[in-house]
Each structure stands twice: as C-alpha cells, then as structure tokens.
Amino acid sequence: MNLFDVYPINDITIIKAKGSYVWDDKGEQYLDLYGGHAVISIGHTHPHWVKWIEEQLEKIAFYSNSIKIPLQRELAEKLGRISGKDDYQLFLCNSGAEANENALKLASFHNGRKKIIAFSKAFHGRTSLAVSVTDNKNYIAPVNETDNVIFLPLNDGQALEDSFKEYGDEISSVIVEGIQGVGGINVADDSFLKRIRALCDEYGAVYIADSIQFCYGRSGKFFSHDFAGVNADIYTMAKGMGNGFPVAGIIVAPHIKPKHFMLGTTFGGNHLACAAALAVLEVIEEEKLMGNAVMVGKYLRNELENIPEIKNVRGKGLMISFDVPEEIKDLRKNLLWNQKIFTGESKPDIIRLLPSLALKKRDAEQFIESIQEEIQNMVSATNTVS
C-alpha cells in the first residue's frame, strides 16, 4: 500500500529533536524556525513536557468523557488564569479544524442562524464547515460549497458594516484570525476587531476568535485578539497547545449556555492530551516565554527590516513573515539546503517564521547571519550573470 500523495515532501527524515533544533537520519543538525507549522511552542522534547506525559502514561492514557477526568478541570482552571478568561467554559477536542467546526456549530445553536462572515485569505481548517469559511478554492470540494458564508476583505470596516446592514438578523457569527497564518501573517487592525465586537453585540451575532496558530503567547499576548482590548465570545485553540501532542479546544463566554449532546468527542480531553497541555502552560508561565516571544520577535523584525532585499516585514511576537522578490525567489530553499534552517511559507512568495516561543536570541542571530549570506550569494550570482 502507498501513502496518499497530498503533501509536497522534502527528502529529509527527522529522527531527533531538542529545543529549537532537529537532526536527520544522517546526523545533520537543522535550526527549526517552522516548529512543525507553529505546533512546537515550548521547544522540542522539553523535559518538563516529557516528564508529564511519561508519568501520566504510567497511570492511565485514555478513557472516554463518560467519566470524570480531573485533569480537564485542572487544565480549565490553569488556562483560565493564565489567559485571563477565568469565567469562560472549556470544551476540549483534537485539532484546529475540529475546534473551528465546533465553534461555528455552537454559534448557530446559540442564535439559531446560518450565515457566517469570514475574510479574504482566511484559513480555518479542512473539515466540512471549517473549510467552507476558508478562502482557498483548492481546498473546497463541491460538497463543502454553501451560500451561508460571506467573504469580506480583512480590515475593511465599511464592508463589514454594510454586510451586517444587508443580512442583519441572519448572521450567526463572524470568524476572524487576529493574525492570519496560512494567509501570510496578515494582522487584523485593532480598530477592525473592535468593530466586529460592536456589530456582533448590536446584531446578536457571535464573535469567534480563531486563535489556532497564535494562541498560547506566540504573539506576545495569550491571544492576539487581546491587543485590541476586546473579548470574543468563543476562542479556538490548537497548534502549540500540546507542543506536538494532538490537543485542541474552544473556550466559550458564560452567556453561551451548554446543553447535553450538542457537542461531543471521543478522544478530546483524554488524559495524555491534558497532561501535555498542562505541561505547556506550566513551562510558558515558569520560563516567561510570552516575554521571550516579544523580545526575540522584536529583534528578528528589526533585523529583517534592515535587509533591503526583502520586503514588507510584518507580524507580532514570534509569528513573522516577509515577502521575497523574484530576484531572490530561491531564498527559502537555499536556507534549508545550504544553511540547514527550516522556515515556513505562504505561496507564492512569502516566508513565515513560526519557531518555538523559547527561541534563543543567539539562534535568531544565526538566522539573520544565514539569511544575509544567502541573499548576498544570490545577488552576487545575478550580477555575475548580468
């Protein structure tokens, strides 16, 4: 049997990882500024995380949600305190797409409506409803097509207001990434998020803050939406929540009431998932990783802005991207193969940096030196040909 070929794959086999580094089966070391797509939040194989999971494995790895799981309550309490959302309610699931799926469904249960506002270049997942609010036709099968989704330009307050005026009481929810990840690290304006909050309040719609990629402190605040000084009705979380262990969730404002059987999950909130998520929160708090994300992220953005060949450096904390002009279009490939540095991308010409929140400044300095070297090599080669 063959694997179903849906991913472009680099010919690299990673067999070991620690902190911000990974090693392949040939013993080659790589600096990881991709984090498995923003998943590695506290560093690969962090000892506290490993210890939590190993100790939990010795007790019980899994049982269903038909019984009490005290770790879930412990996670809810710690998550509420660290995020500043103590009065919210936690529902645990397995993936970012599942979190967004449940958030959209819960919003519709809450107000009995169908229409959803989403935004250009949004990515919310690949499951049926989540992909319908994702702005990429390549991901949407005919069965996913629906007239219930309204796509608007990000940061266009007038278009948002006009849409509410037109559809009014039909709008169930607005789903928005505080910083678009797959779309290329596009930051939602604080004023725009405040306008979403005000219009959702005025029309009885639910504000869903998709925080899959940039929750857990990646932006420098626990949720990037917090920069706007507003509270969403539902926050969705995944990626760095388990530092590589599959765990996700939504937190729900107290005015949205639960009902038995409206949501459900087999594996969500299992003992191992909670152990991983608790370990991540403890490390983030004890090692002050949100502060580190601010400091190292600021250094990276400042240094990148001083490199004239790259354009439009943007982002917050350790979620950074920049545009790569045609003359240095092989930059990401050369960083990987020549400098042994993993980075992310948004096609066709954007490099994204999504490292661990524990990235050290010396590793950031190494990256800046490496990118300068590769750009200089490419520019010199171009000038030689000319």
Protein backbone atom coordinates (compact mmCIF):
# COMPACT_ATOMS: atom_id res chain seq x y z
CA MET A 1 0.00 0.00 0.00
CA ASN A 2 1.22 3.52 -0.86
CA LEU A 3 0.69 6.72 1.08
CA PHE A 4 -1.98 9.01 -0.37
CA ASP A 5 0.17 11.67 -2.04
CA VAL A 6 -1.26 15.02 -0.91
CA TYR A 7 1.83 16.75 0.51
CA PRO A 8 4.97 18.06 -1.23
CA ILE A 9 7.72 16.48 0.88
CA ASN A 10 11.36 17.45 1.39
CA ASP A 11 13.74 14.50 1.14
CA ILE A 12 14.67 14.76 4.83
CA THR A 13 13.96 12.26 7.61
CA ILE A 14 13.99 13.81 11.09
CA ILE A 15 14.70 11.32 13.86
CA LYS A 16 15.66 13.50 16.85
CA ALA A 17 14.71 16.91 18.21
CA LYS A 18 15.58 19.12 21.18
CA GLY A 19 14.79 22.77 21.87
CA SER A 20 14.95 24.69 18.60
CA TYR A 21 16.95 22.03 16.75
CA VAL A 22 16.20 18.81 14.87
CA TRP A 23 18.52 16.13 13.44
CA ASP A 24 18.06 13.90 10.42
CA ASP A 25 18.98 10.25 9.93
CA LYS A 26 22.37 11.29 8.56
CA GLY A 27 23.25 13.22 11.71
CA GLU A 28 22.72 16.66 10.11
CA GLN A 29 21.54 19.38 12.51
CA TYR A 30 18.86 21.92 11.48
CA LEU A 31 17.65 25.09 13.17
CA ASP A 32 13.86 24.84 13.32
CA LEU A 33 12.11 28.16 12.71
CA TYR A 34 8.98 26.42 11.44
CA GLY A 35 8.02 24.46 14.56
CA GLY A 36 6.11 21.83 12.62
CA HIS A 37 3.75 24.61 11.47
CA ALA A 38 3.59 26.62 14.73
CA VAL A 39 2.99 23.47 16.79
CA ILE A 40 6.20 23.44 18.86
CA SER A 41 5.51 26.12 21.44
CA ILE A 42 7.94 25.37 24.30
CA GLY A 43 10.71 23.59 22.36
CA HIS A 44 11.08 20.04 21.10
CA THR A 45 11.08 17.32 23.80
CA HIS A 46 11.09 19.81 26.66
CA PRO A 47 11.99 17.75 29.79
CA HIS A 48 9.02 19.01 31.83
CA TRP A 49 6.65 18.09 28.99
CA VAL A 50 8.26 14.66 28.59
CA LYS A 51 8.03 14.03 32.34
CA TRP A 52 4.31 14.96 32.47
CA ILE A 53 3.48 12.56 29.64
CA GLU A 54 5.66 9.71 30.93
CA GLU A 55 4.18 9.94 34.42
CA GLN A 56 0.66 10.05 33.03
CA LEU A 57 1.35 7.00 30.84
CA GLU A 58 2.21 5.04 33.99
CA LYS A 59 -1.27 5.84 35.36
CA ILE A 60 -3.82 5.90 32.51
CA ALA A 61 -3.51 7.08 28.91
CA PHE A 62 -7.15 7.20 27.88
CA TYR A 63 -10.72 6.83 28.91
CA SER A 64 -13.81 8.42 27.43
CA ASN A 65 -15.68 11.52 28.55
CA SER A 66 -18.33 9.31 30.14
CA ILE A 67 -16.42 9.56 33.44
CA LYS A 68 -14.85 12.37 35.44
CA ILE A 69 -11.37 13.36 34.28
CA PRO A 70 -9.93 15.70 36.94
CA LEU A 71 -7.10 16.73 34.61
CA GLN A 72 -9.67 18.50 32.42
CA ARG A 73 -10.78 20.69 35.31
CA GLU A 74 -7.16 21.36 36.29
CA LEU A 75 -6.43 22.40 32.71
CA ALA A 76 -9.51 24.63 32.57
CA GLU A 77 -8.53 26.41 35.79
CA LYS A 78 -4.90 26.96 34.75
CA LEU A 79 -5.88 28.03 31.23
CA GLY A 80 -8.45 30.48 32.59
CA ARG A 81 -5.95 32.05 34.98
CA ILE A 82 -3.06 32.39 32.52
CA SER A 83 -5.22 33.58 29.61
CA GLY A 84 -7.24 35.99 31.75
CA LYS A 85 -10.52 34.30 30.77
CA ASP A 86 -11.43 32.79 34.15
CA ASP A 87 -15.19 32.93 33.61
CA TYR A 88 -15.14 31.13 30.24
CA GLN A 89 -16.03 27.45 29.70
CA LEU A 90 -13.65 24.90 28.12
CA PHE A 91 -14.55 22.23 25.56
CA LEU A 92 -11.66 20.00 24.51
CA CYS A 93 -11.22 18.34 21.12
CA ASN A 94 -8.36 17.17 18.89
CA SER A 95 -7.42 19.60 16.10
CA GLY A 96 -7.75 23.19 14.95
CA ALA A 97 -10.26 22.32 12.25
CA GLU A 98 -12.38 20.48 14.82
CA ALA A 99 -12.18 23.44 17.19
CA ASN A 100 -13.41 25.84 14.50
CA GLU A 101 -16.08 23.35 13.39
CA ASN A 102 -17.43 23.17 16.94
CA ALA A 103 -17.25 26.95 17.42
CA LEU A 104 -19.27 27.64 14.27
CA LYS A 105 -21.78 24.94 15.16
CA LEU A 106 -22.13 26.23 18.73
CA ALA A 107 -22.73 29.77 17.49
CA SER A 108 -25.52 28.51 15.24
CA PHE A 109 -27.05 26.55 18.12
CA HIS A 110 -26.88 29.69 20.26
CA ASN A 111 -28.76 32.07 17.98
CA GLY A 112 -30.47 29.74 15.52
CA ARG A 113 -28.93 31.42 12.47
CA LYS A 114 -26.97 30.17 9.45
CA LYS A 115 -24.88 32.89 7.82
CA ILE A 116 -21.20 33.35 8.67
CA ILE A 117 -18.87 36.23 7.87
CA ALA A 118 -15.28 35.25 7.07
CA PHE A 119 -12.42 37.13 5.43
CA SER A 120 -10.19 37.08 2.37
CA LYS A 121 -7.07 34.90 2.74
CA ALA A 122 -8.58 33.20 5.80
CA PHE A 123 -7.66 29.63 6.68
CA HIS A 124 -9.81 27.88 9.29
CA GLY A 125 -9.25 24.19 8.55
CA ARG A 126 -10.18 21.40 6.15
CA THR A 127 -13.24 19.78 7.72
CA SER A 128 -16.62 20.47 6.13
CA LEU A 129 -17.78 23.69 7.80
CA ALA A 130 -14.27 24.97 8.62
CA VAL A 131 -13.16 24.67 5.00
CA SER A 132 -16.30 26.49 3.84
CA VAL A 133 -15.05 29.59 5.67
CA THR A 134 -11.52 29.13 4.28
CA ASP A 135 -10.65 31.40 1.36
CA ASN A 136 -8.99 28.86 -0.92
CA LYS A 137 -10.98 27.15 -3.69
CA ASN A 138 -8.37 24.38 -3.94
CA TYR A 139 -9.47 23.05 -0.55
CA ILE A 140 -13.23 23.20 -1.09
CA ALA A 141 -14.92 20.13 -2.62
CA PRO A 142 -18.38 20.51 -4.19
CA VAL A 143 -19.96 19.01 -1.08
CA ASN A 144 -18.44 21.83 1.02
CA GLU A 145 -19.91 24.64 -1.07
CA THR A 146 -22.56 26.71 0.68
CA ASP A 147 -24.37 30.03 0.28
CA ASN A 148 -24.17 30.65 4.01
CA VAL A 149 -20.66 32.14 4.00
CA ILE A 150 -19.97 35.80 3.19
CA PHE A 151 -16.32 36.62 2.44
CA LEU A 152 -15.19 40.19 3.06
CA PRO A 153 -11.82 41.97 2.80
CA LEU A 154 -9.84 41.88 6.03
CA ASN A 155 -9.67 45.26 7.82
CA ASP A 156 -12.46 46.77 5.69
CA GLY A 157 -14.79 48.18 8.33
CA GLN A 158 -17.21 49.66 5.82
CA ALA A 159 -17.71 46.33 4.03
CA LEU A 160 -18.31 44.68 7.38
CA GLU A 161 -20.89 47.27 8.38
CA ASP A 162 -22.64 47.09 5.00
CA SER A 163 -22.87 43.29 5.27
CA PHE A 164 -24.49 43.49 8.69
CA LYS A 165 -26.93 46.08 7.41
CA GLU A 166 -27.87 43.85 4.47
CA TYR A 167 -28.15 40.50 6.27
CA GLY A 168 -28.79 41.69 9.82
CA ASP A 169 -30.51 39.01 11.86
CA GLU A 170 -29.38 36.21 9.51
CA ILE A 171 -25.73 36.42 10.61
CA SER A 172 -24.85 33.74 13.13
CA SER A 173 -21.16 34.51 13.59
CA VAL A 174 -18.06 36.33 12.45
CA ILE A 175 -14.91 34.19 12.44
CA VAL A 176 -11.59 36.03 12.25
CA GLU A 177 -7.92 35.28 12.82
CA GLY A 178 -6.24 38.02 14.85
CA ILE A 179 -3.22 37.31 12.67
CA GLN A 180 -3.80 35.29 9.52
CA GLY A 181 -1.37 32.39 9.48
CA VAL A 182 -1.65 30.47 6.21
CA GLY A 183 -2.72 33.71 4.51
CA GLY A 184 0.75 35.17 5.11
CA ILE A 185 0.84 36.72 8.63
CA ASN A 186 -1.66 39.48 7.90
CA VAL A 187 -2.53 41.34 11.10
CA ALA A 188 -6.12 42.36 11.82
CA ASP A 189 -6.28 46.02 12.88
CA ASP A 190 -7.29 46.65 16.49
CA SER A 191 -9.98 49.06 15.27
CA PHE A 192 -11.35 46.37 12.95
CA LEU A 193 -11.62 43.80 15.76
CA LYS A 194 -13.38 46.40 17.91
CA ARG A 195 -15.84 47.00 15.06
CA ILE A 196 -16.54 43.26 14.85
CA ARG A 197 -17.24 43.23 18.59
CA ALA A 198 -19.60 46.20 18.37
CA LEU A 199 -21.54 44.86 15.38
CA CYS A 200 -21.84 41.37 16.88
CA ASP A 201 -23.27 42.98 20.04
CA GLU A 202 -25.66 45.14 18.03
CA TYR A 203 -27.00 42.31 15.87
CA GLY A 204 -26.77 39.36 18.28
CA ALA A 205 -24.04 37.56 16.31
CA VAL A 206 -21.22 35.50 17.85
CA TYR A 207 -17.62 36.74 17.61
CA ILE A 208 -15.34 33.74 17.04
CA ALA A 209 -11.63 34.43 17.53
CA ASP A 210 -9.72 31.82 15.55
CA SER A 211 -6.56 31.55 17.64
CA ILE A 212 -5.37 28.20 16.31
CA GLN A 213 -1.87 29.35 15.27
CA PHE A 214 -1.22 32.29 17.54
CA CYS A 215 -2.73 31.48 20.92
CA TYR A 216 -0.61 30.42 23.89
CA GLY A 217 1.51 33.55 23.77
CA ARG A 218 3.01 33.37 20.29
CA SER A 219 2.04 36.99 19.56
CA GLY A 220 3.29 38.24 22.93
CA LYS A 221 -0.18 38.15 24.48
CA PHE A 222 -2.02 34.94 25.24
CA PHE A 223 -4.48 35.60 22.41
CA SER A 224 -3.51 38.06 19.67
CA HIS A 225 -7.08 39.42 19.80
CA ASP A 226 -6.18 40.77 23.25
CA PHE A 227 -4.17 43.56 21.60
CA ALA A 228 -7.50 45.11 20.56
CA GLY A 229 -8.78 45.15 24.15
CA VAL A 230 -11.96 43.21 23.31
CA ASN A 231 -13.26 39.82 24.37
CA ALA A 232 -14.54 37.35 21.80
CA ASP A 233 -17.49 35.06 22.53
CA ILE A 234 -15.56 31.93 21.52
CA TYR A 235 -11.81 31.39 21.17
CA THR A 236 -10.48 28.39 19.25
CA MET A 237 -7.10 26.85 20.12
CA ALA A 238 -4.81 24.07 18.86
CA LYS A 239 -1.26 24.04 17.37
CA GLY A 240 1.03 24.98 20.28
CA MET A 241 -1.49 23.86 22.90
CA GLY A 242 0.15 20.42 23.24
CA ASN A 243 3.67 21.10 21.88
CA GLY A 244 3.20 18.30 19.35
CA PHE A 245 0.66 16.17 21.17
CA PRO A 246 -2.74 16.42 19.39
CA VAL A 247 -4.97 18.56 21.56
CA ALA A 248 -7.31 21.45 20.80
CA GLY A 249 -10.21 23.26 22.36
CA ILE A 250 -12.61 26.14 22.46
CA ILE A 251 -13.30 28.46 25.36
CA VAL A 252 -16.81 29.84 25.50
CA ALA A 253 -18.13 33.02 27.13
CA PRO A 254 -20.51 32.47 30.06
CA HIS A 255 -23.59 33.83 28.26
CA ILE A 256 -23.48 30.91 25.79
CA LYS A 257 -25.07 28.02 27.62
CA PRO A 258 -24.22 24.32 27.12
CA LYS A 259 -26.73 21.57 26.51
CA HIS A 260 -26.14 17.84 26.67
CA PHE A 261 -25.23 16.23 23.33
CA MET A 262 -24.87 19.50 21.37
CA LEU A 263 -21.10 18.81 21.11
CA GLY A 264 -19.11 15.65 21.59
CA THR A 265 -15.74 13.97 21.09
CA THR A 266 -14.18 10.55 21.58
CA PHE A 267 -10.52 11.45 22.04
CA GLY A 268 -10.80 15.11 23.01
CA GLY A 269 -9.66 15.89 26.55
CA ASN A 270 -8.11 12.47 27.15
CA HIS A 271 -5.66 12.02 29.98
CA LEU A 272 -2.50 12.28 27.88
CA ALA A 273 -3.75 15.32 25.97
CA CYS A 274 -4.49 17.13 29.22
CA ALA A 275 -1.08 16.19 30.61
CA ALA A 276 0.63 17.64 27.53
CA ALA A 277 -1.45 20.83 27.63
CA LEU A 278 -0.83 21.35 31.36
CA ALA A 279 2.92 20.91 30.86
CA VAL A 280 2.89 23.54 28.11
CA LEU A 281 1.08 26.10 30.28
CA GLU A 282 3.44 25.50 33.21
CA VAL A 283 6.53 25.97 31.04
CA ILE A 284 5.12 29.09 29.37
CA GLU A 285 4.46 30.60 32.79
CA GLU A 286 7.60 29.46 34.62
CA GLU A 287 10.03 30.30 31.80
CA LYS A 288 8.23 33.56 30.90
CA LEU A 289 8.00 32.54 27.25
CA MET A 290 5.49 35.21 26.27
CA GLY A 291 8.06 37.82 27.25
CA ASN A 292 10.73 35.92 25.31
CA ALA A 293 8.46 35.90 22.24
CA VAL A 294 8.19 39.69 22.45
CA MET A 295 11.93 40.24 22.92
CA VAL A 296 13.27 37.80 20.30
CA GLY A 297 10.45 38.63 17.89
CA LYS A 298 11.27 42.33 18.09
CA TYR A 299 14.95 41.60 17.41
CA LEU A 300 14.07 39.49 14.35
CA ARG A 301 11.68 42.05 12.87
CA ASN A 302 14.15 44.91 13.39
CA GLU A 303 17.00 42.98 11.77
CA LEU A 304 14.85 41.79 8.87
CA GLU A 305 13.63 45.32 8.21
CA ASN A 306 17.28 46.34 7.75
CA ILE A 307 17.79 43.85 4.91
CA PRO A 308 16.91 45.84 1.77
CA GLU A 309 16.33 42.84 -0.49
CA ILE A 310 13.30 41.54 1.47
CA LYS A 311 10.02 43.43 1.66
CA ASN A 312 7.03 44.03 3.93
CA VAL A 313 8.24 42.52 7.21
CA ARG A 314 5.20 42.01 9.45
CA GLY A 315 3.78 40.10 12.40
CA LYS A 316 3.77 40.11 16.19
CA GLY A 317 5.95 38.23 18.66
CA LEU A 318 7.32 35.05 17.14
CA MET A 319 4.88 34.98 14.24
CA ILE A 320 6.71 36.86 11.49
CA SER A 321 6.67 36.92 7.70
CA PHE A 322 8.14 38.85 4.81
CA ASP A 323 7.83 38.97 1.04
CA VAL A 324 10.56 37.50 -1.19
CA PRO A 325 11.06 39.32 -4.52
CA GLU A 326 11.64 37.40 -7.73
CA GLU A 327 15.42 38.02 -7.78
CA ILE A 328 15.83 36.02 -4.54
CA LYS A 329 12.92 33.61 -5.05
CA ASP A 330 15.06 30.59 -4.02
CA LEU A 331 15.76 32.04 -0.57
CA ARG A 332 13.66 29.57 1.44
CA LYS A 333 15.04 26.57 -0.46
CA ASN A 334 18.61 27.80 -0.01
CA LEU A 335 18.09 28.41 3.70
CA LEU A 336 17.01 24.80 4.06
CA TRP A 337 19.63 23.08 1.93
CA ASN A 338 22.62 25.39 2.36
CA GLN A 339 22.11 26.76 5.87
CA LYS A 340 20.11 23.86 7.37
CA ILE A 341 17.29 26.12 8.58
CA PHE A 342 13.60 25.20 8.39
CA THR A 343 11.17 28.05 7.67
CA GLY A 344 7.54 28.16 6.59
CA GLU A 345 5.94 29.70 3.53
CA SER A 346 2.76 31.12 2.07
CA LYS A 347 2.72 30.65 -1.66
CA PRO A 348 3.88 32.06 -3.91
CA ASP A 349 6.47 34.40 -2.37
CA ILE A 350 6.17 34.71 1.42
CA ILE A 351 8.48 33.22 4.08
CA ARG A 352 6.95 32.64 7.51
CA LEU A 353 8.79 32.21 10.81
CA LEU A 354 6.92 30.14 13.43
CA PRO A 355 9.60 28.98 15.90
CA SER A 356 9.30 27.80 19.47
CA LEU A 357 8.49 30.57 21.95
CA ALA A 358 11.72 29.51 23.69
CA LEU A 359 13.86 30.50 20.68
CA LYS A 360 17.11 31.93 21.98
CA LYS A 361 18.48 35.25 20.75
CA ARG A 362 21.70 33.57 19.61
CA ASP A 363 19.63 31.29 17.35
CA ALA A 364 17.83 34.32 15.96
CA GLU A 365 21.23 35.93 15.32
CA GLN A 366 22.35 32.78 13.48
CA PHE A 367 19.29 33.01 11.26
CA ILE A 368 19.94 36.68 10.42
CA GLU A 369 23.57 35.90 9.53
CA SER A 370 22.44 32.97 7.38
CA ILE A 371 19.78 34.91 5.50
CA GLN A 372 22.22 37.74 4.81
CA GLU A 373 24.76 35.25 3.46
CA GLU A 374 22.24 33.55 1.17
CA ILE A 375 20.90 36.84 -0.17
CA GLN A 376 24.43 38.10 -0.82
CA ASN A 377 25.24 34.87 -2.70
CA MET A 378 22.12 35.13 -4.86
CA VAL A 379 22.60 38.84 -5.61
CA SER A 380 26.27 38.25 -6.49
CA ALA A 381 25.34 35.37 -8.80
CA THR A 382 22.74 37.53 -10.53
CA ASN A 383 25.21 40.40 -11.00
CA THR A 384 27.83 37.98 -12.39
CA VAL A 385 25.36 36.66 -14.98
CA SER A 386 24.34 40.20 -15.92
